[in-house]
């Protein structure tokens, strides 16, 4: 018997909207309206362990009722910044992978195993670099990650900063996962580029890939959220 959950990926741009206003409430409203079970987040601040300073990630988790997992790529004394995962499912393993390239902004991947209705589903959330060479190297690292313990159901999602449809990195992931539906997510006010993507293996397990377009999502961040329905086979 199969079950369906909704998954999504969202670059929240530090909760700064296209109007230049810092407004976590708008991001929280968009996340709540997604009504997703698992959400990969990019460009979010999170507090380091033991810090009493409130963080964006903790606020968004409380507002959505989802459990947060931080995957920071930039760590400062009072604030961390990077990727995250919000989920309503049981967390069985968390791995944080460094994808940084020398002299470029630090990048990483958050690699998480979730138990969903008795099935282990592996989620990798990432935000890749701005240069072609940087992304090529990071895609190769992702490919290596996927080749390790690759038997389980896999989901890779995030902001890939890759828009050229015939790029070598996109071809690598398409060979591994199958070609997913492509949706335009950036800029949110008038989307022209498919920067945000969701890959799922097996390919047949993902359906209804959509961008989440509302008056709020067009202004809350410079990216639109992308969502999909994931069909999980019960053991």
C-alpha atoms as a PDB file:
ATOM      1  CA  UNK A   1       0.000   0.000   0.000  1.00  0.00           C
ATOM      2  CA  UNK A   2       1.349   3.439  -0.933  1.00  0.00           C
ATOM      3  CA  UNK A   3       1.033   6.756   0.880  1.00  0.00           C
ATOM      4  CA  UNK A   4       1.558  10.300  -0.405  1.00  0.00           C
ATOM      5  CA  UNK A   5       3.304  13.220   1.244  1.00  0.00           C
ATOM      6  CA  UNK A   6       3.974  16.730   0.027  1.00  0.00           C
ATOM      7  CA  UNK A   7       7.559  17.962  -0.188  1.00  0.00           C
ATOM      8  CA  UNK A   8       8.904  21.402  -1.080  1.00  0.00           C
ATOM      9  CA  UNK A   9      12.048  23.486  -1.478  1.00  0.00           C
ATOM     10  CA  UNK A  10      12.243  27.202  -0.715  1.00  0.00           C
ATOM     11  CA  UNK A  11      15.067  29.750  -0.800  1.00  0.00           C
ATOM     12  CA  UNK A  12      13.820  32.224   1.824  1.00  0.00           C
ATOM     13  CA  UNK A  13      16.504  34.886   1.130  1.00  0.00           C
ATOM     14  CA  UNK A  14      17.065  35.547   4.859  1.00  0.00           C
ATOM     15  CA  UNK A  15      13.396  36.550   5.083  1.00  0.00           C
ATOM     16  CA  UNK A  16      14.080  39.675   3.019  1.00  0.00           C
ATOM     17  CA  UNK A  17      11.414  40.244   0.395  1.00  0.00           C
ATOM     18  CA  UNK A  18      11.570  41.732  -3.067  1.00  0.00           C
ATOM     19  CA  UNK A  19      10.502  45.018  -1.493  1.00  0.00           C
ATOM     20  CA  UNK A  20      13.686  45.024   0.602  1.00  0.00           C
ATOM     21  CA  UNK A  21      11.774  44.454   3.837  1.00  0.00           C
ATOM     22  CA  UNK A  22      12.874  41.935   6.473  1.00  0.00           C
ATOM     23  CA  UNK A  23       9.679  40.082   7.383  1.00  0.00           C
ATOM     24  CA  UNK A  24       9.838  36.529   8.783  1.00  0.00           C
ATOM     25  CA  UNK A  25       6.051  36.571   9.205  1.00  0.00           C
ATOM     26  CA  UNK A  26       5.595  36.604   5.429  1.00  0.00           C
ATOM     27  CA  UNK A  27       7.952  33.656   4.974  1.00  0.00           C
ATOM     28  CA  UNK A  28       6.151  31.793   7.770  1.00  0.00           C
ATOM     29  CA  UNK A  29       2.816  32.459   6.056  1.00  0.00           C
ATOM     30  CA  UNK A  30       4.116  31.106   2.733  1.00  0.00           C
ATOM     31  CA  UNK A  31       5.522  27.987   4.419  1.00  0.00           C
ATOM     32  CA  UNK A  32       2.224  27.396   6.234  1.00  0.00           C
ATOM     33  CA  UNK A  33       0.273  27.789   2.989  1.00  0.00           C
ATOM     34  CA  UNK A  34       2.489  25.166   1.339  1.00  0.00           C
ATOM     35  CA  UNK A  35       1.082  22.610   3.825  1.00  0.00           C
ATOM     36  CA  UNK A  36       4.087  20.368   3.147  1.00  0.00           C
ATOM     37  CA  UNK A  37       5.374  17.448   5.241  1.00  0.00           C
ATOM     38  CA  UNK A  38       9.036  18.065   4.396  1.00  0.00           C
ATOM     39  CA  UNK A  39      10.545  21.389   3.301  1.00  0.00           C
ATOM     40  CA  UNK A  40      14.130  22.053   2.270  1.00  0.00           C
ATOM     41  CA  UNK A  41      15.172  25.614   3.125  1.00  0.00           C
ATOM     42  CA  UNK A  42      18.052  27.699   1.798  1.00  0.00           C
ATOM     43  CA  UNK A  43      19.491  31.054   2.935  1.00  0.00           C
ATOM     44  CA  UNK A  44      18.134  30.855   6.470  1.00  0.00           C
ATOM     45  CA  UNK A  45      19.732  32.039   9.718  1.00  0.00           C
ATOM     46  CA  UNK A  46      19.913  29.619  12.633  1.00  0.00           C
ATOM     47  CA  UNK A  47      21.259  30.069  16.152  1.00  0.00           C
ATOM     48  CA  UNK A  48      24.347  28.058  17.182  1.00  0.00           C
ATOM     49  CA  UNK A  49      24.017  25.514  19.979  1.00  0.00           C
ATOM     50  CA  UNK A  50      23.608  27.165  23.373  1.00  0.00           C
ATOM     51  CA  UNK A  51      22.917  30.615  21.960  1.00  0.00           C
ATOM     52  CA  UNK A  52      19.896  32.409  23.409  1.00  0.00           C
ATOM     53  CA  UNK A  53      19.433  34.615  20.374  1.00  0.00           C
ATOM     54  CA  UNK A  54      16.234  33.786  18.479  1.00  0.00           C
ATOM     55  CA  UNK A  55      16.808  32.424  14.986  1.00  0.00           C
ATOM     56  CA  UNK A  56      14.803  32.554  11.776  1.00  0.00           C
ATOM     57  CA  UNK A  57      14.833  28.757  11.539  1.00  0.00           C
ATOM     58  CA  UNK A  58      13.420  28.253  15.029  1.00  0.00           C
ATOM     59  CA  UNK A  59      10.741  30.845  14.370  1.00  0.00           C
ATOM     60  CA  UNK A  60       9.721  29.240  11.059  1.00  0.00           C
ATOM     61  CA  UNK A  61       9.644  25.805  12.706  1.00  0.00           C
ATOM     62  CA  UNK A  62       7.378  27.022  15.512  1.00  0.00           C
ATOM     63  CA  UNK A  63       5.105  28.855  13.086  1.00  0.00           C
ATOM     64  CA  UNK A  64       4.723  25.789  10.840  1.00  0.00           C
ATOM     65  CA  UNK A  65       4.627  23.115  13.528  1.00  0.00           C
ATOM     66  CA  UNK A  66       7.514  21.274  11.859  1.00  0.00           C
ATOM     67  CA  UNK A  67      10.764  20.032  13.419  1.00  0.00           C
ATOM     68  CA  UNK A  68      13.898  21.911  12.261  1.00  0.00           C
ATOM     69  CA  UNK A  69      17.290  20.525  11.258  1.00  0.00           C
ATOM     70  CA  UNK A  70      19.990  23.116  10.637  1.00  0.00           C
ATOM     71  CA  UNK A  71      22.675  22.706   7.987  1.00  0.00           C
ATOM     72  CA  UNK A  72      24.720  25.890   8.319  1.00  0.00           C
ATOM     73  CA  UNK A  73      27.461  26.717   5.837  1.00  0.00           C
ATOM     74  CA  UNK A  74      28.576  30.008   7.419  1.00  0.00           C
ATOM     75  CA  UNK A  75      29.105  29.981  11.183  1.00  0.00           C
ATOM     76  CA  UNK A  76      29.508  33.145  13.250  1.00  0.00           C
ATOM     77  CA  UNK A  77      29.626  33.470  17.056  1.00  0.00           C
ATOM     78  CA  UNK A  78      25.963  34.458  17.385  1.00  0.00           C
ATOM     79  CA  UNK A  79      24.436  33.339  14.107  1.00  0.00           C
ATOM     80  CA  UNK A  80      24.705  30.487  11.637  1.00  0.00           C
ATOM     81  CA  UNK A  81      23.496  30.646   8.039  1.00  0.00           C
ATOM     82  CA  UNK A  82      22.798  28.177   5.265  1.00  0.00           C
ATOM     83  CA  UNK A  83      20.503  25.227   4.577  1.00  0.00           C
ATOM     84  CA  UNK A  84      17.858  23.576   6.728  1.00  0.00           C
ATOM     85  CA  UNK A  85      15.111  20.981   6.682  1.00  0.00           C
ATOM     86  CA  UNK A  86      11.663  21.237   8.248  1.00  0.00           C
ATOM     87  CA  UNK A  87       9.802  17.971   8.733  1.00  0.00           C
ATOM     88  CA  UNK A  88       6.885  16.329  10.488  1.00  0.00           C
ATOM     89  CA  UNK A  89       8.440  12.856  10.173  1.00  0.00           C
ATOM     90  CA  UNK A  90      10.848  10.938  12.380  1.00  0.00           C
ATOM     91  CA  UNK A  91      14.532  11.808  11.886  1.00  0.00           C
ATOM     92  CA  UNK A  92      16.828   8.779  11.884  1.00  0.00           C
ATOM     93  CA  UNK A  93      20.153  10.241  10.658  1.00  0.00           C
ATOM     94  CA  UNK A  94      21.666  13.655   9.911  1.00  0.00           C
ATOM     95  CA  UNK A  95      24.844  14.279   7.907  1.00  0.00           C
ATOM     96  CA  UNK A  96      26.297  17.686   7.026  1.00  0.00           C
ATOM     97  CA  UNK A  97      28.526  17.754   3.959  1.00  0.00           C
ATOM     98  CA  UNK A  98      30.957  20.524   3.036  1.00  0.00           C
ATOM     99  CA  UNK A  99      30.747  21.481  -0.660  1.00  0.00           C
ATOM    100  CA  UNK A 100      32.863  24.624  -0.353  1.00  0.00           C
ATOM    101  CA  UNK A 101      35.298  25.659  -3.065  1.00  0.00           C
ATOM    102  CA  UNK A 102      38.400  27.682  -2.186  1.00  0.00           C
ATOM    103  CA  UNK A 103      37.895  31.469  -2.357  1.00  0.00           C
ATOM    104  CA  UNK A 104      34.176  31.088  -2.958  1.00  0.00           C
ATOM    105  CA  UNK A 105      31.257  31.460  -0.548  1.00  0.00           C
ATOM    106  CA  UNK A 106      31.019  28.388   1.716  1.00  0.00           C
ATOM    107  CA  UNK A 107      28.443  25.879   0.471  1.00  0.00           C
ATOM    108  CA  UNK A 108      27.132  22.588   1.777  1.00  0.00           C
ATOM    109  CA  UNK A 109      24.516  19.863   1.680  1.00  0.00           C
ATOM    110  CA  UNK A 110      22.248  18.688   4.476  1.00  0.00           C
ATOM    111  CA  UNK A 111      21.840  14.907   4.129  1.00  0.00           C
ATOM    112  CA  UNK A 112      18.986  13.505   6.242  1.00  0.00           C
ATOM    113  CA  UNK A 113      17.265  10.125   6.577  1.00  0.00           C
ATOM    114  CA  UNK A 114      13.584  10.319   7.498  1.00  0.00           C
ATOM    115  CA  UNK A 115      11.313   7.446   8.465  1.00  0.00           C
ATOM    116  CA  UNK A 116       8.097   7.920   6.528  1.00  0.00           C
ATOM    117  CA  UNK A 117       5.358   5.360   7.152  1.00  0.00           C
ATOM    118  CA  UNK A 118       7.945   2.644   7.764  1.00  0.00           C
ATOM    119  CA  UNK A 119      10.144   3.523   4.777  1.00  0.00           C
ATOM    120  CA  UNK A 120      13.526   5.273   4.961  1.00  0.00           C
ATOM    121  CA  UNK A 121      13.664   8.245   2.585  1.00  0.00           C
ATOM    122  CA  UNK A 122      16.919  10.121   2.107  1.00  0.00           C
ATOM    123  CA  UNK A 123      16.680  13.885   1.605  1.00  0.00           C
ATOM    124  CA  UNK A 124      19.590  16.038   0.447  1.00  0.00           C
ATOM    125  CA  UNK A 125      19.061  19.805   0.651  1.00  0.00           C
ATOM    126  CA  UNK A 126      21.631  22.060  -0.972  1.00  0.00           C
ATOM    127  CA  UNK A 127      22.403  25.489  -2.381  1.00  0.00           C
ATOM    128  CA  UNK A 128      25.164  25.496  -4.997  1.00  0.00           C
ATOM    129  CA  UNK A 129      27.598  28.204  -6.067  1.00  0.00           C
ATOM    130  CA  UNK A 130      27.336  30.967  -8.612  1.00  0.00           C
ATOM    131  CA  UNK A 131      30.223  30.063 -10.944  1.00  0.00           C
ATOM    132  CA  UNK A 132      30.118  27.257 -13.519  1.00  0.00           C
ATOM    133  CA  UNK A 133      33.383  25.654 -12.349  1.00  0.00           C
ATOM    134  CA  UNK A 134      32.237  25.792  -8.749  1.00  0.00           C
ATOM    135  CA  UNK A 135      28.931  24.109  -9.550  1.00  0.00           C
ATOM    136  CA  UNK A 136      30.615  21.429 -11.686  1.00  0.00           C
ATOM    137  CA  UNK A 137      32.772  20.429  -8.731  1.00  0.00           C
ATOM    138  CA  UNK A 138      29.818  20.510  -6.340  1.00  0.00           C
ATOM    139  CA  UNK A 139      27.678  18.404  -8.647  1.00  0.00           C
ATOM    140  CA  UNK A 140      30.465  15.800  -8.776  1.00  0.00           C
ATOM    141  CA  UNK A 141      30.534  15.759  -4.972  1.00  0.00           C
ATOM    142  CA  UNK A 142      26.764  15.271  -4.914  1.00  0.00           C
ATOM    143  CA  UNK A 143      27.118  12.445  -7.388  1.00  0.00           C
ATOM    144  CA  UNK A 144      29.618  10.793  -5.048  1.00  0.00           C
ATOM    145  CA  UNK A 145      27.227  11.196  -2.134  1.00  0.00           C
ATOM    146  CA  UNK A 146      24.421   9.565  -4.061  1.00  0.00           C
ATOM    147  CA  UNK A 147      26.585   6.610  -5.012  1.00  0.00           C
ATOM    148  CA  UNK A 148      27.079   5.820  -1.298  1.00  0.00           C
ATOM    149  CA  UNK A 149      24.218   3.928   0.361  1.00  0.00           C
ATOM    150  CA  UNK A 150      22.155   4.663  -2.706  1.00  0.00           C
ATOM    151  CA  UNK A 151      19.630   1.850  -2.395  1.00  0.00           C
ATOM    152  CA  UNK A 152      17.013   3.791  -0.447  1.00  0.00           C
ATOM    153  CA  UNK A 153      14.521   6.252  -1.814  1.00  0.00           C
ATOM    154  CA  UNK A 154      16.351   9.507  -2.568  1.00  0.00           C
ATOM    155  CA  UNK A 155      15.272  13.135  -2.868  1.00  0.00           C
ATOM    156  CA  UNK A 156      17.643  15.950  -3.861  1.00  0.00           C
ATOM    157  CA  UNK A 157      16.255  19.458  -3.719  1.00  0.00           C
ATOM    158  CA  UNK A 158      17.384  23.036  -3.393  1.00  0.00           C
ATOM    159  CA  UNK A 159      18.637  26.089  -5.208  1.00  0.00           C
ATOM    160  CA  UNK A 160      21.100  24.835  -7.830  1.00  0.00           C
ATOM    161  CA  UNK A 161      21.833  28.187  -9.490  1.00  0.00           C
ATOM    162  CA  UNK A 162      21.805  26.281 -12.789  1.00  0.00           C
ATOM    163  CA  UNK A 163      19.496  27.462 -15.549  1.00  0.00           C
ATOM    164  CA  UNK A 164      21.027  26.127 -18.770  1.00  0.00           C
ATOM    165  CA  UNK A 165      18.917  23.037 -19.667  1.00  0.00           C
ATOM    166  CA  UNK A 166      21.750  21.141 -21.384  1.00  0.00           C
ATOM    167  CA  UNK A 167      24.449  21.720 -18.764  1.00  0.00           C
ATOM    168  CA  UNK A 168      26.697  18.797 -17.837  1.00  0.00           C
ATOM    169  CA  UNK A 169      25.737  18.875 -14.117  1.00  0.00           C
ATOM    170  CA  UNK A 170      22.026  18.761 -14.879  1.00  0.00           C
ATOM    171  CA  UNK A 171      22.673  15.843 -17.226  1.00  0.00           C
ATOM    172  CA  UNK A 172      24.507  13.976 -14.434  1.00  0.00           C
ATOM    173  CA  UNK A 173      21.561  14.223 -12.065  1.00  0.00           C
ATOM    174  CA  UNK A 174      19.061  13.432 -14.810  1.00  0.00           C
ATOM    175  CA  UNK A 175      20.946  10.210 -15.559  1.00  0.00           C
ATOM    176  CA  UNK A 176      20.798   9.226 -11.891  1.00  0.00           C
ATOM    177  CA  UNK A 177      17.196  10.231 -11.196  1.00  0.00           C
ATOM    178  CA  UNK A 178      15.489  10.604 -14.543  1.00  0.00           C
ATOM    179  CA  UNK A 179      14.496  13.965 -15.961  1.00  0.00           C
ATOM    180  CA  UNK A 180      12.142  15.828 -13.583  1.00  0.00           C
ATOM    181  CA  UNK A 181       9.600  18.464 -14.547  1.00  0.00           C
ATOM    182  CA  UNK A 182      11.250  21.884 -14.720  1.00  0.00           C
ATOM    183  CA  UNK A 183       9.527  24.902 -13.212  1.00  0.00           C
ATOM    184  CA  UNK A 184      10.513  28.582 -13.314  1.00  0.00           C
ATOM    185  CA  UNK A 185      11.142  29.928  -9.806  1.00  0.00           C
ATOM    186  CA  UNK A 186      13.342  33.039 -10.086  1.00  0.00           C
ATOM    187  CA  UNK A 187      12.801  35.938  -9.783  1.00  0.00           C
ATOM    188  CA  UNK A 188       9.613  35.495  -7.811  1.00  0.00           C
ATOM    189  CA  UNK A 189       7.900  38.607  -9.188  1.00  0.00           C
ATOM    190  CA  UNK A 190       8.284  37.386 -12.783  1.00  0.00           C
ATOM    191  CA  UNK A 191       9.948  33.934 -12.878  1.00  0.00           C
ATOM    192  CA  UNK A 192      12.261  33.315 -15.823  1.00  0.00           C
ATOM    193  CA  UNK A 193      14.828  30.788 -14.530  1.00  0.00           C
ATOM    194  CA  UNK A 194      14.467  27.239 -13.091  1.00  0.00           C
ATOM    195  CA  UNK A 195      17.004  27.688 -10.277  1.00  0.00           C
ATOM    196  CA  UNK A 196      15.101  25.558  -7.746  1.00  0.00           C
ATOM    197  CA  UNK A 197      14.570  21.873  -8.489  1.00  0.00           C
ATOM    198  CA  UNK A 198      13.458  18.563  -6.998  1.00  0.00           C
ATOM    199  CA  UNK A 199      14.867  15.209  -8.118  1.00  0.00           C
ATOM    200  CA  UNK A 200      13.436  11.923  -6.814  1.00  0.00           C
ATOM    201  CA  UNK A 201      14.562   8.338  -7.236  1.00  0.00           C
ATOM    202  CA  UNK A 202      12.675   6.283  -8.282  1.00  0.00           C
ATOM    203  CA  UNK A 203      11.414   8.824 -10.824  1.00  0.00           C
ATOM    204  CA  UNK A 204       7.893   7.377 -10.803  1.00  0.00           C
ATOM    205  CA  UNK A 205       7.545   8.251  -7.108  1.00  0.00           C
ATOM    206  CA  UNK A 206       7.233  11.990  -7.737  1.00  0.00           C
ATOM    207  CA  UNK A 207       4.116  13.666  -9.123  1.00  0.00           C
ATOM    208  CA  UNK A 208       2.487  17.092  -9.283  1.00  0.00           C
ATOM    209  CA  UNK A 209       5.603  19.250  -9.383  1.00  0.00           C
ATOM    210  CA  UNK A 210       4.438  22.856  -9.037  1.00  0.00           C
ATOM    211  CA  UNK A 211       5.586  26.311  -8.140  1.00  0.00           C
ATOM    212  CA  UNK A 212       3.692  27.949  -5.305  1.00  0.00           C
ATOM    213  CA  UNK A 213       2.441  31.273  -6.628  1.00  0.00           C
ATOM    214  CA  UNK A 214       0.449  33.579  -4.374  1.00  0.00           C
ATOM    215  CA  UNK A 215       0.500  37.357  -3.871  1.00  0.00           C
ATOM    216  CA  UNK A 216       2.488  36.681  -0.675  1.00  0.00           C
ATOM    217  CA  UNK A 217       5.028  34.307  -2.246  1.00  0.00           C
ATOM    218  CA  UNK A 218       5.752  36.803  -5.018  1.00  0.00           C
ATOM    219  CA  UNK A 219       7.041  39.348  -2.506  1.00  0.00           C
ATOM    220  CA  UNK A 220       8.207  37.339   0.564  1.00  0.00           C
ATOM    221  CA  UNK A 221      11.454  36.151  -1.107  1.00  0.00           C
ATOM    222  CA  UNK A 222      13.181  36.523  -4.465  1.00  0.00           C
ATOM    223  CA  UNK A 223      12.522  32.805  -5.135  1.00  0.00           C
ATOM    224  CA  UNK A 224       9.197  31.003  -5.436  1.00  0.00           C
ATOM    225  CA  UNK A 225       8.802  27.697  -3.565  1.00  0.00           C
ATOM    226  CA  UNK A 226       8.692  24.525  -5.624  1.00  0.00           C
ATOM    227  CA  UNK A 227       6.653  21.560  -4.378  1.00  0.00           C
ATOM    228  CA  UNK A 228       5.898  17.985  -5.354  1.00  0.00           C
ATOM    229  CA  UNK A 229       3.872  15.010  -4.188  1.00  0.00           C
ATOM    230  CA  UNK A 230       6.016  12.039  -3.173  1.00  0.00           C
ATOM    231  CA  UNK A 231       4.535   8.538  -3.347  1.00  0.00           C
ATOM    232  CA  UNK A 232       6.074   6.388  -0.613  1.00  0.00           C
ATOM    233  CA  UNK A 233       5.645   2.627  -0.755  1.00  0.00           C
ATOM    234  CA  UNK A 234       4.811   1.127   2.617  1.00  0.00           C
ATOM    235  CA  UNK A 235       6.861  -1.984   3.479  1.00  0.00           C
END
